[in-house]
Amino acid sequence: MNTMDVKNEIKASPAQLRYADTLFYGSLIGFVTMLITYALYVFGVLEPQIPLDEMPRLWTHSAAAYRAAGNIPQGWGWLALVGKGDICNFLGIAFLAALTIFCFVQLAWSLARRKQWLMMCIAIAEVLVLSLAASGVLVAGAH
């Protein structure tokens, strides 16, 4: 059997195709969100939390110093400042970061409907691990 025959025999399952579609369209939505929020920031539609003229001074400092200078809360506290031009950019990034969790939720649902219980449990475990990591509960170190 040659390589082309093997490639023609490999078929993605409906669950895999749904996962890929969710990832594709979700990535597109996240990218467009980042473009829009960046435009809102650059064109001054939304006032920034940290004025643009202070940015060159802050580039040489740590993230902690940047947060302190801008009075930006740690962790998910940035959501309270989402109306600020420089902070709203995080919306697209956070959406893209959460996209894998959405994909696994949809995958677990699809696997449950097909009664593939072991694979469904693995997908649910993945959702739980990723959600726990994103929650900030497991903060370690001084970052």
Protein backbone atom coordinates (compact mmCIF):
# COMPACT_ATOMS: atom_id res chain seq x y z
CA MET A 1 0.00 0.00 0.00
CA ASN A 2 1.50 3.33 -1.00
CA THR A 3 1.26 6.64 0.85
CA MET A 4 -1.57 7.99 -1.30
CA ASP A 5 -3.76 4.93 -0.59
CA VAL A 6 -3.26 5.39 3.16
CA LYS A 7 -4.13 9.10 2.94
CA ASN A 8 -7.30 8.32 1.00
CA GLU A 9 -8.37 5.74 3.60
CA ILE A 10 -7.98 8.09 6.57
CA LYS A 11 -11.27 9.80 7.35
CA ALA A 12 -11.96 12.25 10.13
CA SER A 13 -14.86 11.44 12.42
CA PRO A 14 -17.81 13.84 12.70
CA ALA A 15 -16.54 14.82 16.18
CA GLN A 16 -13.11 15.66 14.77
CA LEU A 17 -14.63 17.70 11.96
CA ARG A 18 -16.84 19.61 14.43
CA TYR A 19 -13.78 20.28 16.63
CA ALA A 20 -11.83 21.57 13.62
CA ASP A 21 -14.73 23.78 12.49
CA THR A 22 -15.17 25.20 15.98
CA LEU A 23 -11.45 25.91 16.19
CA PHE A 24 -11.36 27.50 12.72
CA TYR A 25 -14.37 29.79 13.17
CA GLY A 26 -13.46 30.56 16.78
CA SER A 27 -9.95 31.58 15.70
CA LEU A 28 -11.44 33.80 13.03
CA ILE A 29 -13.76 35.46 15.58
CA GLY A 30 -10.85 35.94 18.00
CA PHE A 31 -8.65 37.45 15.31
CA VAL A 32 -11.37 39.86 14.15
CA THR A 33 -12.02 40.81 17.79
CA MET A 34 -8.33 41.61 18.23
CA LEU A 35 -8.32 43.74 15.07
CA ILE A 36 -11.39 45.70 16.16
CA THR A 37 -10.20 46.28 19.72
CA TYR A 38 -6.76 47.29 18.47
CA ALA A 39 -8.36 49.81 16.10
CA LEU A 40 -10.43 51.20 18.99
CA TYR A 41 -7.19 51.69 20.93
CA VAL A 42 -4.99 53.07 18.15
CA PHE A 43 -7.57 55.53 16.83
CA GLY A 44 -8.34 56.80 20.31
CA VAL A 45 -11.99 55.75 20.34
CA LEU A 46 -11.48 54.40 23.85
CA GLU A 47 -9.30 56.21 26.36
CA PRO A 48 -6.34 54.03 27.46
CA GLN A 49 -5.66 53.08 31.05
CA ILE A 50 -2.02 54.06 30.54
CA PRO A 51 -1.44 57.12 28.31
CA LEU A 52 0.53 56.44 25.12
CA ASP A 53 3.24 58.96 26.03
CA GLU A 54 4.10 56.88 29.14
CA MET A 55 4.51 53.63 27.19
CA PRO A 56 8.18 54.06 26.14
CA ARG A 57 9.15 54.62 29.78
CA LEU A 58 7.26 51.52 30.93
CA TRP A 59 8.57 49.18 28.20
CA THR A 60 11.84 48.74 30.09
CA HIS A 61 10.12 47.63 33.31
CA SER A 62 8.61 44.34 34.41
CA ALA A 63 4.97 43.37 33.95
CA ALA A 64 4.42 43.95 37.67
CA ALA A 65 5.77 47.52 37.37
CA TYR A 66 3.57 48.10 34.31
CA ARG A 67 0.48 46.90 36.21
CA ALA A 68 1.39 49.07 39.21
CA ALA A 69 1.91 52.18 37.04
CA GLY A 70 -1.44 51.66 35.35
CA ASN A 71 -3.30 50.58 38.48
CA ILE A 72 -4.22 47.34 36.69
CA PRO A 73 -5.40 44.49 38.93
CA GLN A 74 -3.69 41.11 38.81
CA GLY A 75 -5.33 38.05 37.26
CA TRP A 76 -8.85 38.37 35.89
CA GLY A 77 -9.21 41.83 37.47
CA TRP A 78 -8.49 43.37 34.07
CA LEU A 79 -12.12 42.66 33.14
CA ALA A 80 -13.17 45.61 35.32
CA LEU A 81 -11.15 47.86 32.98
CA VAL A 82 -12.36 46.39 29.69
CA GLY A 83 -13.73 49.78 28.62
CA LYS A 84 -10.20 51.17 28.41
CA GLY A 85 -8.53 51.14 24.99
CA ASP A 86 -5.36 49.33 25.98
CA ILE A 87 -7.19 46.77 28.12
CA CYS A 88 -9.98 45.87 25.70
CA ASN A 89 -7.31 44.26 23.50
CA PHE A 90 -7.25 41.39 26.00
CA LEU A 91 -10.76 40.31 24.98
CA GLY A 92 -9.64 38.64 21.76
CA ILE A 93 -6.63 37.09 23.47
CA ALA A 94 -8.75 35.69 26.31
CA PHE A 95 -11.27 34.36 23.80
CA LEU A 96 -8.54 32.59 21.84
CA ALA A 97 -7.09 31.17 25.05
CA ALA A 98 -10.51 29.80 26.04
CA LEU A 99 -11.25 28.43 22.58
CA THR A 100 -9.63 25.06 23.29
CA ILE A 101 -11.92 24.66 26.31
CA PHE A 102 -14.97 25.39 24.13
CA CYS A 103 -13.74 22.85 21.58
CA PHE A 104 -13.31 20.15 24.24
CA VAL A 105 -16.78 20.84 25.70
CA GLN A 106 -18.32 20.37 22.27
CA LEU A 107 -16.17 17.28 21.73
CA ALA A 108 -17.27 15.76 25.05
CA TRP A 109 -20.91 16.38 24.11
CA SER A 110 -20.41 14.73 20.73
CA LEU A 111 -18.65 11.74 22.30
CA ALA A 112 -21.46 11.35 24.86
CA ARG A 113 -24.04 11.21 22.08
CA ARG A 114 -22.00 8.45 20.40
CA LYS A 115 -21.67 6.64 23.76
CA GLN A 116 -17.88 6.76 23.69
CA TRP A 117 -17.68 7.08 27.46
CA LEU A 118 -13.93 6.72 27.97
CA MET A 119 -13.10 9.36 25.37
CA MET A 120 -15.84 11.60 26.79
CA CYS A 121 -14.30 11.32 30.28
CA ILE A 122 -10.89 12.25 28.86
CA ALA A 123 -12.38 15.29 27.10
CA ILE A 124 -14.15 16.35 30.33
CA ALA A 125 -10.91 15.90 32.28
CA GLU A 126 -9.19 18.13 29.73
CA VAL A 127 -11.89 20.79 30.20
CA LEU A 128 -11.45 20.64 33.97
CA VAL A 129 -7.65 20.87 33.83
CA LEU A 130 -7.68 23.77 31.36
CA SER A 131 -10.40 25.59 33.30
CA LEU A 132 -8.48 25.17 36.54
CA ALA A 133 -5.31 26.48 34.93
CA ALA A 134 -7.15 29.48 33.45
CA SER A 135 -8.89 30.29 36.72
CA GLY A 136 -5.70 31.47 38.39
CA VAL A 137 -6.28 29.27 41.43
CA LEU A 138 -2.96 27.51 40.89
CA VAL A 139 -0.79 30.64 40.96
CA ALA A 140 2.84 29.83 41.64
CA GLY A 141 5.94 31.95 41.88
CA ALA A 142 6.25 35.72 41.85
CA HIS A 143 4.92 36.32 38.33
